[in-house]
Amino acid sequence: MDFTNILSPSSSCEVKSGCYSVFTLVNIVKKLVTIVKATGFCSLANRVDHERIRDVGPDRAASEWLLRCGALVRYHGQERWQKDYNHLPTGPLDKYKIQAIDATDSCIMSIGFDHMGLQHVEKIRLCKCHYIEDDCLERLSQLENLQKSMLEMEIISCGNVTDKGVIALHHLRNLKYLFLSDLPGIKEKEKIVQVFKTSLPSLELKLDLK
């Protein structure tokens, strides 16, 4: 995690001889404590309960994980996005199959991806997901179920994603649409274009990168 912005004194703080003022140091400590607490909460929210997955099925368990982390899910046959953990639908466990995931501003991270044993997901949106890194995309790309079902993917403003993670997505062999935007970790746009052009010639690849 990048602490550069936290450790840089603001213009309103008095700094003498290159040293932080007591006021500035106190604020830095407070911010670091907040980050540690948030990271701890996110790790807890991403914890995988394999017995729960066996008991209620992958779609229900994944729904609980995603909503717990602040993401949304949409089920096959429904237009409404499910966003309230306390109002997850009840009924037969095999009735609600996740078709789309919107993880905007969520805290999903790699340790929670054991929940992704899903067979019907067609679209995933990762936007402002601070804990999404290359290994997350690599894990997604290696899941056989997703290789079959995934049709659309959007990755936006995920600062820890680099060329390596994006290129791994070429294993999603049925992917029809990929949108990449505001990804400062991407350094070789032309290489990415060439990889997908070769491996997924029917893919609609849209780039909004600097």
N, C-alpha and C. Protein backbone atom coordinates (compact mmCIF):
# COMPACT_ATOMS: atom_id res chain seq x y z
N MET A 1 0.84 -1.19 0.00
CA MET A 1 0.00 0.00 0.00
C MET A 1 0.87 1.24 0.00
N ASP A 2 0.52 2.25 -0.79
CA ASP A 2 1.31 3.46 -0.94
C ASP A 2 0.96 4.45 0.17
N PHE A 3 1.96 4.78 1.03
CA PHE A 3 1.74 5.71 2.12
C PHE A 3 2.28 7.11 1.79
N THR A 4 2.62 7.36 0.53
CA THR A 4 3.24 8.61 0.15
C THR A 4 2.39 9.81 0.54
N ASN A 5 1.10 9.75 0.22
CA ASN A 5 0.24 10.88 0.50
C ASN A 5 0.07 11.12 1.98
N ILE A 6 0.13 10.04 2.76
CA ILE A 6 -0.05 10.16 4.20
C ILE A 6 1.17 10.80 4.84
N LEU A 7 2.34 10.43 4.35
CA LEU A 7 3.58 10.88 4.95
C LEU A 7 4.04 12.24 4.46
N SER A 8 3.35 12.80 3.50
CA SER A 8 3.70 14.12 2.99
C SER A 8 3.01 15.17 3.83
N PRO A 9 3.74 16.12 4.44
CA PRO A 9 3.11 17.14 5.27
C PRO A 9 2.27 18.06 4.42
N SER A 10 1.12 18.44 4.92
CA SER A 10 0.25 19.36 4.19
C SER A 10 0.83 20.76 4.26
N SER A 11 0.39 21.61 3.36
CA SER A 11 0.90 22.97 3.29
C SER A 11 0.54 23.77 4.52
N SER A 12 -0.49 23.35 5.26
CA SER A 12 -0.94 24.09 6.43
C SER A 12 -0.17 23.71 7.68
N CYS A 13 0.67 22.67 7.59
CA CYS A 13 1.42 22.21 8.76
C CYS A 13 2.80 22.87 8.76
N GLU A 14 3.26 23.21 9.92
CA GLU A 14 4.57 23.85 10.06
C GLU A 14 5.65 22.79 10.14
N VAL A 15 6.61 22.86 9.22
CA VAL A 15 7.72 21.91 9.21
C VAL A 15 9.02 22.69 9.31
N LYS A 16 9.85 22.39 10.30
CA LYS A 16 11.10 23.10 10.52
C LYS A 16 12.27 22.16 10.37
N SER A 17 13.29 22.61 9.63
CA SER A 17 14.53 21.85 9.45
C SER A 17 14.27 20.44 8.93
N GLY A 18 13.26 20.30 8.08
CA GLY A 18 12.97 19.01 7.48
C GLY A 18 12.29 18.05 8.42
N CYS A 19 11.84 18.45 9.58
CA CYS A 19 11.20 17.57 10.55
C CYS A 19 9.71 17.88 10.63
N TYR A 20 8.90 16.85 10.85
CA TYR A 20 7.47 17.03 11.00
C TYR A 20 7.16 17.66 12.36
N SER A 21 6.17 18.51 12.40
CA SER A 21 5.70 19.04 13.67
C SER A 21 4.97 17.95 14.43
N VAL A 22 4.80 18.14 15.74
CA VAL A 22 4.10 17.17 16.56
C VAL A 22 2.68 16.97 16.03
N PHE A 23 2.05 18.07 15.63
CA PHE A 23 0.68 18.00 15.11
C PHE A 23 0.61 17.11 13.88
N THR A 24 1.60 17.28 12.99
CA THR A 24 1.63 16.48 11.76
C THR A 24 1.85 15.00 12.07
N LEU A 25 2.75 14.71 12.99
CA LEU A 25 3.03 13.32 13.34
C LEU A 25 1.82 12.64 13.97
N VAL A 26 1.09 13.37 14.79
CA VAL A 26 -0.12 12.82 15.39
C VAL A 26 -1.13 12.45 14.32
N ASN A 27 -1.30 13.32 13.34
CA ASN A 27 -2.24 13.05 12.25
C ASN A 27 -1.79 11.86 11.41
N ILE A 28 -0.50 11.73 11.20
CA ILE A 28 0.02 10.60 10.44
C ILE A 28 -0.29 9.30 11.17
N VAL A 29 -0.05 9.27 12.48
CA VAL A 29 -0.32 8.07 13.27
C VAL A 29 -1.81 7.73 13.21
N LYS A 30 -2.68 8.73 13.33
CA LYS A 30 -4.12 8.49 13.27
C LYS A 30 -4.52 7.87 11.94
N LYS A 31 -3.95 8.38 10.85
CA LYS A 31 -4.28 7.86 9.53
C LYS A 31 -3.80 6.43 9.37
N LEU A 32 -2.60 6.14 9.89
CA LEU A 32 -2.07 4.79 9.80
C LEU A 32 -2.91 3.81 10.59
N VAL A 33 -3.36 4.22 11.76
CA VAL A 33 -4.23 3.37 12.58
C VAL A 33 -5.54 3.08 11.85
N THR A 34 -6.09 4.11 11.19
CA THR A 34 -7.33 3.93 10.43
C THR A 34 -7.14 2.92 9.31
N ILE A 35 -5.99 3.01 8.61
CA ILE A 35 -5.70 2.09 7.51
C ILE A 35 -5.57 0.66 8.02
N VAL A 36 -4.85 0.49 9.14
CA VAL A 36 -4.67 -0.84 9.71
C VAL A 36 -6.01 -1.44 10.10
N LYS A 37 -6.87 -0.64 10.72
CA LYS A 37 -8.19 -1.13 11.12
C LYS A 37 -9.01 -1.52 9.90
N ALA A 38 -8.97 -0.68 8.86
CA ALA A 38 -9.74 -0.97 7.64
C ALA A 38 -9.25 -2.24 6.98
N THR A 39 -7.93 -2.42 6.93
CA THR A 39 -7.37 -3.63 6.32
C THR A 39 -7.77 -4.87 7.11
N GLY A 40 -7.77 -4.75 8.44
CA GLY A 40 -8.19 -5.87 9.27
C GLY A 40 -9.63 -6.24 9.04
N PHE A 41 -10.50 -5.22 8.91
CA PHE A 41 -11.91 -5.48 8.64
C PHE A 41 -12.08 -6.16 7.29
N CYS A 42 -11.35 -5.69 6.28
CA CYS A 42 -11.48 -6.27 4.95
C CYS A 42 -11.00 -7.72 4.93
N SER A 43 -9.94 -8.00 5.66
CA SER A 43 -9.46 -9.38 5.73
C SER A 43 -10.51 -10.28 6.36
N LEU A 44 -11.17 -9.77 7.39
CA LEU A 44 -12.23 -10.54 8.05
C LEU A 44 -13.41 -10.75 7.11
N ALA A 45 -13.78 -9.70 6.37
CA ALA A 45 -14.91 -9.79 5.45
C ALA A 45 -14.64 -10.77 4.32
N ASN A 46 -13.36 -10.98 3.99
CA ASN A 46 -12.99 -11.88 2.90
C ASN A 46 -12.71 -13.31 3.37
N ARG A 47 -12.87 -13.55 4.64
CA ARG A 47 -12.57 -14.88 5.17
C ARG A 47 -13.48 -15.92 4.53
N VAL A 48 -12.90 -17.05 4.18
CA VAL A 48 -13.63 -18.11 3.50
C VAL A 48 -14.03 -19.20 4.49
N ASP A 49 -15.31 -19.51 4.51
CA ASP A 49 -15.83 -20.60 5.33
C ASP A 49 -16.25 -21.73 4.38
N HIS A 50 -15.37 -22.71 4.24
CA HIS A 50 -15.62 -23.77 3.27
C HIS A 50 -16.82 -24.64 3.67
N GLU A 51 -17.06 -24.76 4.95
CA GLU A 51 -18.25 -25.49 5.38
C GLU A 51 -19.52 -24.77 4.95
N ARG A 52 -19.49 -23.44 5.03
CA ARG A 52 -20.64 -22.65 4.60
C ARG A 52 -20.89 -22.84 3.11
N ILE A 53 -19.84 -22.88 2.33
CA ILE A 53 -19.99 -23.10 0.89
C ILE A 53 -20.63 -24.45 0.61
N ARG A 54 -20.20 -25.46 1.34
CA ARG A 54 -20.78 -26.80 1.16
C ARG A 54 -22.24 -26.84 1.60
N ASP A 55 -22.56 -26.12 2.67
CA ASP A 55 -23.91 -26.17 3.24
C ASP A 55 -24.94 -25.43 2.39
N VAL A 56 -24.57 -24.26 1.87
CA VAL A 56 -25.57 -23.42 1.18
C VAL A 56 -25.32 -23.31 -0.32
N GLY A 57 -24.20 -23.83 -0.80
CA GLY A 57 -23.90 -23.76 -2.22
C GLY A 57 -23.04 -22.56 -2.56
N PRO A 58 -22.33 -22.62 -3.67
CA PRO A 58 -21.37 -21.56 -4.03
C PRO A 58 -22.01 -20.21 -4.30
N ASP A 59 -23.19 -20.17 -4.91
CA ASP A 59 -23.79 -18.88 -5.25
C ASP A 59 -24.26 -18.12 -4.02
N ARG A 60 -24.88 -18.84 -3.07
CA ARG A 60 -25.31 -18.18 -1.84
C ARG A 60 -24.11 -17.71 -1.02
N ALA A 61 -23.10 -18.58 -0.88
CA ALA A 61 -21.91 -18.22 -0.11
C ALA A 61 -21.18 -17.05 -0.76
N ALA A 62 -21.09 -17.06 -2.09
CA ALA A 62 -20.42 -15.96 -2.79
C ALA A 62 -21.22 -14.67 -2.66
N SER A 63 -22.55 -14.77 -2.68
CA SER A 63 -23.38 -13.59 -2.48
C SER A 63 -23.11 -12.96 -1.12
N GLU A 64 -23.04 -13.79 -0.10
CA GLU A 64 -22.78 -13.30 1.25
C GLU A 64 -21.41 -12.63 1.32
N TRP A 65 -20.41 -13.24 0.71
CA TRP A 65 -19.06 -12.67 0.68
C TRP A 65 -19.04 -11.32 -0.03
N LEU A 66 -19.62 -11.26 -1.21
CA LEU A 66 -19.57 -10.04 -2.02
C LEU A 66 -20.31 -8.89 -1.34
N LEU A 67 -21.50 -9.15 -0.83
CA LEU A 67 -22.25 -8.08 -0.17
C LEU A 67 -21.58 -7.66 1.13
N ARG A 68 -20.98 -8.60 1.81
CA ARG A 68 -20.24 -8.28 3.04
C ARG A 68 -19.10 -7.32 2.75
N CYS A 69 -18.53 -7.44 1.56
CA CYS A 69 -17.40 -6.59 1.16
C CYS A 69 -17.84 -5.31 0.45
N GLY A 70 -19.14 -5.12 0.28
CA GLY A 70 -19.62 -3.89 -0.35
C GLY A 70 -19.90 -3.98 -1.83
N ALA A 71 -19.86 -5.18 -2.40
CA ALA A 71 -20.15 -5.37 -3.81
C ALA A 71 -21.64 -5.66 -4.02
N LEU A 72 -22.06 -5.70 -5.28
CA LEU A 72 -23.43 -6.00 -5.64
C LEU A 72 -23.45 -7.26 -6.51
N VAL A 73 -24.57 -7.96 -6.49
CA VAL A 73 -24.73 -9.12 -7.37
C VAL A 73 -26.09 -9.04 -8.06
N ARG A 74 -26.15 -9.62 -9.24
CA ARG A 74 -27.43 -9.75 -9.95
C ARG A 74 -27.59 -11.20 -10.37
N TYR A 75 -28.78 -11.72 -10.16
CA TYR A 75 -29.04 -13.13 -10.45
C TYR A 75 -29.67 -13.30 -11.83
N HIS A 76 -29.49 -14.46 -12.40
CA HIS A 76 -30.12 -14.80 -13.67
C HIS A 76 -31.64 -14.65 -13.55
N GLY A 77 -32.22 -14.01 -14.56
CA GLY A 77 -33.65 -13.83 -14.59
C GLY A 77 -34.13 -12.61 -13.81
N GLN A 78 -33.20 -11.83 -13.25
CA GLN A 78 -33.58 -10.63 -12.50
C GLN A 78 -32.87 -9.41 -13.06
N GLU A 79 -33.54 -8.26 -13.02
CA GLU A 79 -32.93 -7.01 -13.44
C GLU A 79 -32.39 -6.22 -12.26
N ARG A 80 -32.91 -6.49 -11.07
CA ARG A 80 -32.54 -5.73 -9.88
C ARG A 80 -31.22 -6.24 -9.31
N TRP A 81 -30.38 -5.29 -8.90
CA TRP A 81 -29.13 -5.64 -8.24
C TRP A 81 -29.39 -5.89 -6.76
N GLN A 82 -28.82 -6.94 -6.25
CA GLN A 82 -28.94 -7.26 -4.83
C GLN A 82 -27.82 -6.54 -4.08
N LYS A 83 -28.18 -5.68 -3.13
CA LYS A 83 -27.16 -4.89 -2.43
C LYS A 83 -27.28 -4.94 -0.91
N ASP A 84 -28.34 -5.54 -0.40
CA ASP A 84 -28.57 -5.58 1.05
C ASP A 84 -28.32 -6.98 1.57
N TYR A 85 -27.28 -7.12 2.37
CA TYR A 85 -26.92 -8.43 2.92
C TYR A 85 -28.08 -9.03 3.72
N ASN A 86 -28.79 -8.19 4.43
CA ASN A 86 -29.87 -8.66 5.30
C ASN A 86 -31.14 -9.04 4.55
N HIS A 87 -31.16 -8.77 3.25
CA HIS A 87 -32.34 -9.12 2.46
C HIS A 87 -31.99 -10.03 1.29
N LEU A 88 -30.99 -10.86 1.48
CA LEU A 88 -30.68 -11.85 0.46
C LEU A 88 -31.89 -12.78 0.30
N PRO A 89 -32.20 -13.15 -0.92
CA PRO A 89 -33.40 -13.97 -1.15
C PRO A 89 -33.29 -15.35 -0.51
N THR A 90 -34.41 -15.85 -0.08
CA THR A 90 -34.45 -17.19 0.49
C THR A 90 -35.16 -18.12 -0.49
N GLY A 91 -35.10 -19.39 -0.22
CA GLY A 91 -35.72 -20.36 -1.11
C GLY A 91 -34.75 -21.46 -1.44
N PRO A 92 -35.06 -22.26 -2.44
CA PRO A 92 -34.17 -23.37 -2.83
C PRO A 92 -32.76 -22.85 -3.13
N LEU A 93 -31.76 -23.57 -2.65
CA LEU A 93 -30.38 -23.11 -2.78
C LEU A 93 -29.93 -23.01 -4.24
N ASP A 94 -30.55 -23.77 -5.11
CA ASP A 94 -30.12 -23.76 -6.51
C ASP A 94 -30.93 -22.79 -7.37
N LYS A 95 -31.76 -21.96 -6.74
CA LYS A 95 -32.64 -21.08 -7.49
C LYS A 95 -31.93 -19.82 -7.97
N TYR A 96 -31.06 -19.25 -7.15
CA TYR A 96 -30.44 -17.96 -7.45
C TYR A 96 -29.00 -18.15 -7.88
N LYS A 97 -28.75 -17.96 -9.16
CA LYS A 97 -27.42 -18.11 -9.74
C LYS A 97 -26.87 -16.73 -10.11
N ILE A 98 -25.68 -16.42 -9.64
CA ILE A 98 -25.08 -15.11 -9.90
C ILE A 98 -24.72 -14.98 -11.37
N GLN A 99 -25.26 -13.95 -12.00
CA GLN A 99 -24.96 -13.68 -13.40
C GLN A 99 -23.96 -12.53 -13.54
N ALA A 100 -24.06 -11.52 -12.65
CA ALA A 100 -23.19 -10.35 -12.77
C ALA A 100 -22.74 -9.89 -11.39
N ILE A 101 -21.53 -9.36 -11.34
CA ILE A 101 -20.95 -8.84 -10.11
C ILE A 101 -20.46 -7.42 -10.36
N ASP A 102 -20.89 -6.48 -9.52
CA ASP A 102 -20.39 -5.10 -9.58
C ASP A 102 -19.65 -4.85 -8.28
N ALA A 103 -18.34 -4.85 -8.35
CA ALA A 103 -17.51 -4.73 -7.14
C ALA A 103 -17.02 -3.30 -6.92
N THR A 104 -17.71 -2.32 -7.46
CA THR A 104 -17.30 -0.92 -7.31
C THR A 104 -17.15 -0.53 -5.84
N ASP A 105 -15.99 0.04 -5.53
CA ASP A 105 -15.70 0.53 -4.17
C ASP A 105 -15.75 -0.57 -3.11
N SER A 106 -15.63 -1.80 -3.51
CA SER A 106 -15.68 -2.90 -2.54
C SER A 106 -14.28 -3.23 -2.04
N CYS A 107 -14.24 -4.06 -1.00
CA CYS A 107 -12.94 -4.45 -0.42
C CYS A 107 -12.62 -5.91 -0.70
N ILE A 108 -13.14 -6.46 -1.80
CA ILE A 108 -12.80 -7.84 -2.13
C ILE A 108 -11.30 -7.95 -2.37
N MET A 109 -10.73 -9.06 -1.93
CA MET A 109 -9.30 -9.29 -2.10
C MET A 109 -9.05 -10.76 -2.38
N SER A 110 -7.81 -11.07 -2.70
CA SER A 110 -7.46 -12.40 -3.18
C SER A 110 -7.88 -13.52 -2.23
N ILE A 111 -7.76 -13.30 -0.93
CA ILE A 111 -8.05 -14.39 0.01
C ILE A 111 -9.52 -14.81 -0.04
N GLY A 112 -10.38 -13.96 -0.59
CA GLY A 112 -11.79 -14.31 -0.68
C GLY A 112 -12.17 -15.01 -1.96
N PHE A 113 -11.20 -15.16 -2.88
CA PHE A 113 -11.54 -15.67 -4.20
C PHE A 113 -11.82 -17.17 -4.23
N ASP A 114 -11.67 -17.84 -3.09
CA ASP A 114 -12.11 -19.23 -3.03
C ASP A 114 -13.62 -19.32 -3.16
N HIS A 115 -14.31 -18.19 -3.03
CA HIS A 115 -15.76 -18.16 -3.21
C HIS A 115 -16.16 -18.18 -4.69
N MET A 116 -15.18 -18.04 -5.58
CA MET A 116 -15.51 -17.85 -6.99
C MET A 116 -15.68 -19.16 -7.76
N GLY A 117 -16.09 -20.21 -7.09
CA GLY A 117 -16.39 -21.44 -7.81
C GLY A 117 -17.79 -21.37 -8.40
N LEU A 118 -18.03 -20.36 -9.21
CA LEU A 118 -19.36 -20.07 -9.77
C LEU A 118 -19.41 -20.47 -11.23
N GLN A 119 -20.57 -20.95 -11.67
CA GLN A 119 -20.67 -21.49 -13.02
C GLN A 119 -21.45 -20.62 -13.99
N HIS A 120 -22.07 -19.54 -13.50
CA HIS A 120 -22.97 -18.79 -14.37
C HIS A 120 -22.64 -17.31 -14.48
N VAL A 121 -21.49 -16.89 -13.97
CA VAL A 121 -21.13 -15.47 -14.01
C VAL A 121 -20.73 -15.06 -15.42
N GLU A 122 -21.41 -14.02 -15.93
CA GLU A 122 -21.13 -13.54 -17.28
C GLU A 122 -20.45 -12.18 -17.30
N LYS A 123 -20.60 -11.42 -16.21
CA LYS A 123 -20.03 -10.07 -16.20
C LYS A 123 -19.48 -9.73 -14.83
N ILE A 124 -18.28 -9.13 -14.82
CA ILE A 124 -17.67 -8.64 -13.58
C ILE A 124 -17.16 -7.23 -13.81
N ARG A 125 -17.50 -6.35 -12.87
CA ARG A 125 -17.00 -4.96 -12.92
C ARG A 125 -16.16 -4.70 -11.67
N LEU A 126 -14.89 -4.40 -11.90
CA LEU A 126 -13.96 -4.06 -10.82
C LEU A 126 -13.62 -2.58 -10.95
N CYS A 127 -14.14 -1.77 -10.06
CA CYS A 127 -13.94 -0.32 -10.14
C CYS A 127 -13.55 0.20 -8.75
N LYS A 128 -12.43 0.87 -8.70
CA LYS A 128 -11.92 1.43 -7.43
C LYS A 128 -11.80 0.34 -6.37
N CYS A 129 -11.26 -0.77 -6.77
CA CYS A 129 -11.05 -1.90 -5.86
C CYS A 129 -9.58 -1.87 -5.43
N HIS A 130 -9.32 -1.31 -4.28
CA HIS A 130 -7.95 -1.05 -3.85
C HIS A 130 -7.17 -2.31 -3.51
N TYR A 131 -7.88 -3.41 -3.26
CA TYR A 131 -7.20 -4.64 -2.88
C TYR A 131 -7.09 -5.63 -4.03
N ILE A 132 -7.56 -5.24 -5.20
CA ILE A 132 -7.43 -6.10 -6.38
C ILE A 132 -6.05 -5.93 -6.97
N GLU A 133 -5.32 -7.05 -7.07
CA GLU A 133 -3.97 -7.04 -7.61
C GLU A 133 -3.88 -8.06 -8.74
N ASP A 134 -2.69 -8.16 -9.33
CA ASP A 134 -2.51 -9.07 -10.46
C ASP A 134 -2.88 -10.51 -10.12
N ASP A 135 -2.53 -10.94 -8.89
CA ASP A 135 -2.81 -12.34 -8.56
C ASP A 135 -4.31 -12.63 -8.53
N CYS A 136 -5.12 -11.61 -8.24
CA CYS A 136 -6.58 -11.79 -8.28
C CYS A 136 -7.03 -12.07 -9.71
N LEU A 137 -6.54 -11.31 -10.66
CA LEU A 137 -6.93 -11.50 -12.05
C LEU A 137 -6.39 -12.83 -12.58
N GLU A 138 -5.20 -13.19 -12.14
CA GLU A 138 -4.63 -14.47 -12.56
C GLU A 138 -5.47 -15.63 -12.03
N ARG A 139 -5.94 -15.51 -10.78
CA ARG A 139 -6.79 -16.57 -10.22
C ARG A 139 -8.10 -16.67 -10.99
N LEU A 140 -8.70 -15.52 -11.30
CA LEU A 140 -9.94 -15.53 -12.06
C LEU A 140 -9.75 -16.21 -13.41
N SER A 141 -8.66 -15.87 -14.06
CA SER A 141 -8.44 -16.37 -15.41
C SER A 141 -8.19 -17.87 -15.46
N GLN A 142 -7.81 -18.46 -14.32
CA GLN A 142 -7.51 -19.89 -14.29
C GLN A 142 -8.69 -20.74 -13.84
N LEU A 143 -9.80 -20.09 -13.46
CA LEU A 143 -10.98 -20.85 -13.03
C LEU A 143 -11.73 -21.37 -14.25
N GLU A 144 -11.80 -22.68 -14.35
CA GLU A 144 -12.39 -23.30 -15.54
C GLU A 144 -13.83 -22.86 -15.77
N ASN A 145 -14.59 -22.72 -14.69
CA ASN A 145 -15.98 -22.30 -14.83
C ASN A 145 -16.09 -20.91 -15.45
N LEU A 146 -15.23 -20.00 -14.99
CA LEU A 146 -15.26 -18.64 -15.53
C LEU A 146 -14.72 -18.59 -16.96
N GLN A 147 -13.80 -19.47 -17.27
CA GLN A 147 -13.30 -19.53 -18.65
C GLN A 147 -14.43 -19.83 -19.62
N LYS A 148 -15.42 -20.57 -19.14
CA LYS A 148 -16.56 -20.92 -19.98
C LYS A 148 -17.64 -19.84 -19.98
N SER A 149 -17.89 -19.23 -18.82
CA SER A 149 -19.07 -18.37 -18.68
C SER A 149 -18.84 -16.88 -18.90
N MET A 150 -17.64 -16.40 -18.64
CA MET A 150 -17.40 -14.96 -18.65
C MET A 150 -17.50 -14.36 -20.06
N LEU A 151 -18.32 -13.30 -20.16
CA LEU A 151 -18.52 -12.61 -21.43
C LEU A 151 -18.03 -11.16 -21.41
N GLU A 152 -18.18 -10.50 -20.27
CA GLU A 152 -17.83 -9.08 -20.18
C GLU A 152 -17.07 -8.79 -18.90
N MET A 153 -16.10 -7.87 -19.01
CA MET A 153 -15.34 -7.48 -17.83
C MET A 153 -14.90 -6.02 -17.95
N GLU A 154 -14.98 -5.30 -16.84
CA GLU A 154 -14.53 -3.91 -16.77
C GLU A 154 -13.58 -3.77 -15.59
N ILE A 155 -12.44 -3.14 -15.84
CA ILE A 155 -11.46 -2.88 -14.77
C ILE A 155 -11.14 -1.39 -14.82
N ILE A 156 -11.51 -0.68 -13.76
CA ILE A 156 -11.44 0.78 -13.74
C ILE A 156 -10.82 1.24 -12.42
N SER A 157 -9.84 2.10 -12.51
CA SER A 157 -9.25 2.76 -11.33
C SER A 157 -8.84 1.77 -10.25
N CYS A 158 -8.18 0.71 -10.67
CA CYS A 158 -7.62 -0.27 -9.73
C CYS A 158 -6.10 -0.10 -9.78
N GLY A 159 -5.56 0.64 -8.83
CA GLY A 159 -4.17 1.08 -8.89
C GLY A 159 -3.12 0.00 -8.77
N ASN A 160 -3.50 -1.19 -8.29
CA ASN A 160 -2.52 -2.26 -8.12
C ASN A 160 -2.52 -3.26 -9.26
N VAL A 161 -3.28 -2.99 -10.31
CA VAL A 161 -3.33 -3.88 -11.47
C VAL A 161 -2.30 -3.43 -12.49
N THR A 162 -1.52 -4.38 -12.99
CA THR A 162 -0.51 -4.07 -14.01
C THR A 162 -0.75 -4.90 -15.27
N ASP A 163 0.15 -4.75 -16.23
CA ASP A 163 0.06 -5.49 -17.49
C ASP A 163 -0.06 -7.00 -17.25
N LYS A 164 0.68 -7.49 -16.28
CA LYS A 164 0.71 -8.93 -16.01
C LYS A 164 -0.68 -9.47 -15.70
N GLY A 165 -1.41 -8.78 -14.84
CA GLY A 165 -2.74 -9.24 -14.46
C GLY A 165 -3.72 -9.17 -15.61
N VAL A 166 -3.67 -8.08 -16.37
CA VAL A 166 -4.60 -7.90 -17.48
C VAL A 166 -4.35 -8.94 -18.56
N ILE A 167 -3.10 -9.16 -18.90
CA ILE A 167 -2.77 -10.13 -19.95
C ILE A 167 -3.24 -11.53 -19.58
N ALA A 168 -3.24 -11.85 -18.29
CA ALA A 168 -3.71 -13.18 -17.86
C ALA A 168 -5.15 -13.44 -18.25
N LEU A 169 -5.92 -12.38 -18.45
CA LEU A 169 -7.35 -12.54 -18.77
C LEU A 169 -7.59 -13.14 -20.14
N HIS A 170 -6.56 -13.27 -20.95
CA HIS A 170 -6.77 -13.87 -22.28
C HIS A 170 -7.17 -15.35 -22.16
N HIS A 171 -7.02 -15.92 -20.96
CA HIS A 171 -7.46 -17.30 -20.75
C HIS A 171 -8.98 -17.41 -20.66
N LEU A 172 -9.67 -16.30 -20.46
CA LEU A 172 -11.14 -16.32 -20.44
C LEU A 172 -11.60 -16.40 -21.90
N ARG A 173 -11.63 -17.58 -22.42
CA ARG A 173 -11.70 -17.81 -23.86
C ARG A 173 -13.01 -17.35 -24.51
N ASN A 174 -14.06 -17.15 -23.73
CA ASN A 174 -15.33 -16.70 -24.29
C ASN A 174 -15.61 -15.22 -24.04
N LEU A 175 -14.60 -14.51 -23.55
CA LEU A 175 -14.76 -13.08 -23.26
C LEU A 175 -15.04 -12.31 -24.55
N LYS A 176 -16.10 -11.50 -24.52
CA LYS A 176 -16.51 -10.73 -25.70
C LYS A 176 -16.23 -9.24 -25.57
N TYR A 177 -16.12 -8.76 -24.33
CA TYR A 177 -15.95 -7.32 -24.11
C TYR A 177 -15.04 -7.09 -22.91
N LEU A 178 -14.03 -6.24 -23.08
CA LEU A 178 -13.12 -5.89 -22.00
C LEU A 178 -12.85 -4.39 -22.05
N PHE A 179 -13.16 -3.72 -20.94
CA PHE A 179 -12.94 -2.26 -20.84
C PHE A 179 -11.91 -1.99 -19.76
N LEU A 180 -10.85 -1.27 -20.12
CA LEU A 180 -9.78 -0.93 -19.20
C LEU A 180 -9.66 0.59 -19.13
N SER A 181 -9.74 1.13 -17.91
CA SER A 181 -9.70 2.59 -17.77
C SER A 181 -8.98 2.99 -16.49
N ASP A 182 -8.19 4.06 -16.58
CA ASP A 182 -7.52 4.65 -15.42
C ASP A 182 -6.76 3.60 -14.63
N LEU A 183 -5.83 2.96 -15.31
CA LEU A 183 -4.99 1.93 -14.68
C LEU A 183 -3.53 2.35 -14.80
N PRO A 184 -3.02 3.11 -13.84
CA PRO A 184 -1.64 3.63 -13.95
C PRO A 184 -0.58 2.55 -13.97
N GLY A 185 -0.93 1.34 -13.54
CA GLY A 185 0.04 0.24 -13.56
C GLY A 185 0.26 -0.35 -14.94
N ILE A 186 -0.58 0.03 -15.90
CA ILE A 186 -0.44 -0.47 -17.27
C ILE A 186 0.64 0.35 -17.98
N LYS A 187 1.66 -0.32 -18.47
CA LYS A 187 2.79 0.36 -19.11
C LYS A 187 2.95 0.02 -20.60
N GLU A 188 2.39 -1.13 -21.01
CA GLU A 188 2.59 -1.58 -22.39
C GLU A 188 1.25 -1.83 -23.07
N LYS A 189 0.59 -0.76 -23.42
CA LYS A 189 -0.74 -0.87 -24.04
C LYS A 189 -0.70 -1.65 -25.34
N GLU A 190 0.30 -1.40 -26.16
CA GLU A 190 0.37 -2.06 -27.45
C GLU A 190 0.55 -3.57 -27.30
N LYS A 191 1.30 -3.97 -26.29
CA LYS A 191 1.49 -5.41 -26.04
C LYS A 191 0.16 -6.05 -25.65
N ILE A 192 -0.59 -5.36 -24.81
CA ILE A 192 -1.90 -5.88 -24.38
C ILE A 192 -2.82 -6.04 -25.59
N VAL A 193 -2.85 -5.02 -26.42
CA VAL A 193 -3.70 -5.07 -27.62
C VAL A 193 -3.31 -6.26 -28.49
N GLN A 194 -2.01 -6.46 -28.68
CA GLN A 194 -1.55 -7.54 -29.54
C GLN A 194 -1.88 -8.91 -28.97
N VAL A 195 -1.72 -9.07 -27.64
CA VAL A 195 -2.02 -10.35 -26.99
C VAL A 195 -3.48 -10.73 -27.19
N PHE A 196 -4.38 -9.78 -26.95
CA PHE A 196 -5.80 -10.08 -27.07
C PHE A 196 -6.23 -10.22 -28.53
N LYS A 197 -5.58 -9.49 -29.40
CA LYS A 197 -5.90 -9.61 -30.82
C LYS A 197 -5.55 -11.00 -31.33
N THR A 198 -4.48 -11.55 -30.80
CA THR A 198 -4.03 -12.88 -31.21
C THR A 198 -4.85 -13.99 -30.56
N SER A 199 -5.07 -13.87 -29.25
CA SER A 199 -5.71 -14.95 -28.50
C SER A 199 -7.22 -14.90 -28.53
N LEU A 200 -7.79 -13.69 -28.59
CA LEU A 200 -9.25 -13.52 -28.60
C LEU A 200 -9.63 -12.55 -29.72
N PRO A 201 -9.54 -12.99 -30.96
CA PRO A 201 -9.76 -12.08 -32.10
C PRO A 201 -11.15 -11.46 -32.15
N SER A 202 -12.15 -12.08 -31.52
CA SER A 202 -13.51 -11.53 -31.56
C SER A 202 -13.79 -10.60 -30.38
N LEU A 203 -12.81 -10.40 -29.50
CA LEU A 203 -12.99 -9.56 -28.32
C LEU A 203 -13.10 -8.09 -28.71
N GLU A 204 -14.06 -7.39 -28.09
CA GLU A 204 -14.14 -5.94 -28.21
C GLU A 204 -13.35 -5.35 -27.05
N LEU A 205 -12.17 -4.82 -27.33
CA LEU A 205 -11.27 -4.28 -26.32
C LEU A 205 -11.31 -2.76 -26.36
N LYS A 206 -11.72 -2.16 -25.26
CA LYS A 206 -11.78 -0.69 -25.17
C LYS A 206 -10.79 -0.21 -24.12
N LEU A 207 -9.94 0.74 -24.50
CA LEU A 207 -8.91 1.25 -23.60
C LEU A 207 -9.11 2.75 -23.38
N ASP A 208 -9.06 3.14 -22.13
CA ASP A 208 -9.07 4.56 -21.75
C ASP A 208 -7.91 4.75 -20.78
N LEU A 209 -6.70 4.63 -21.34
CA LEU A 209 -5.49 4.65 -20.54
C LEU A 209 -4.57 5.75 -21.03
N LYS A 210 -3.79 6.28 -20.12
CA LYS A 210 -2.83 7.32 -20.47
C LYS A 210 -1.60 6.71 -21.12
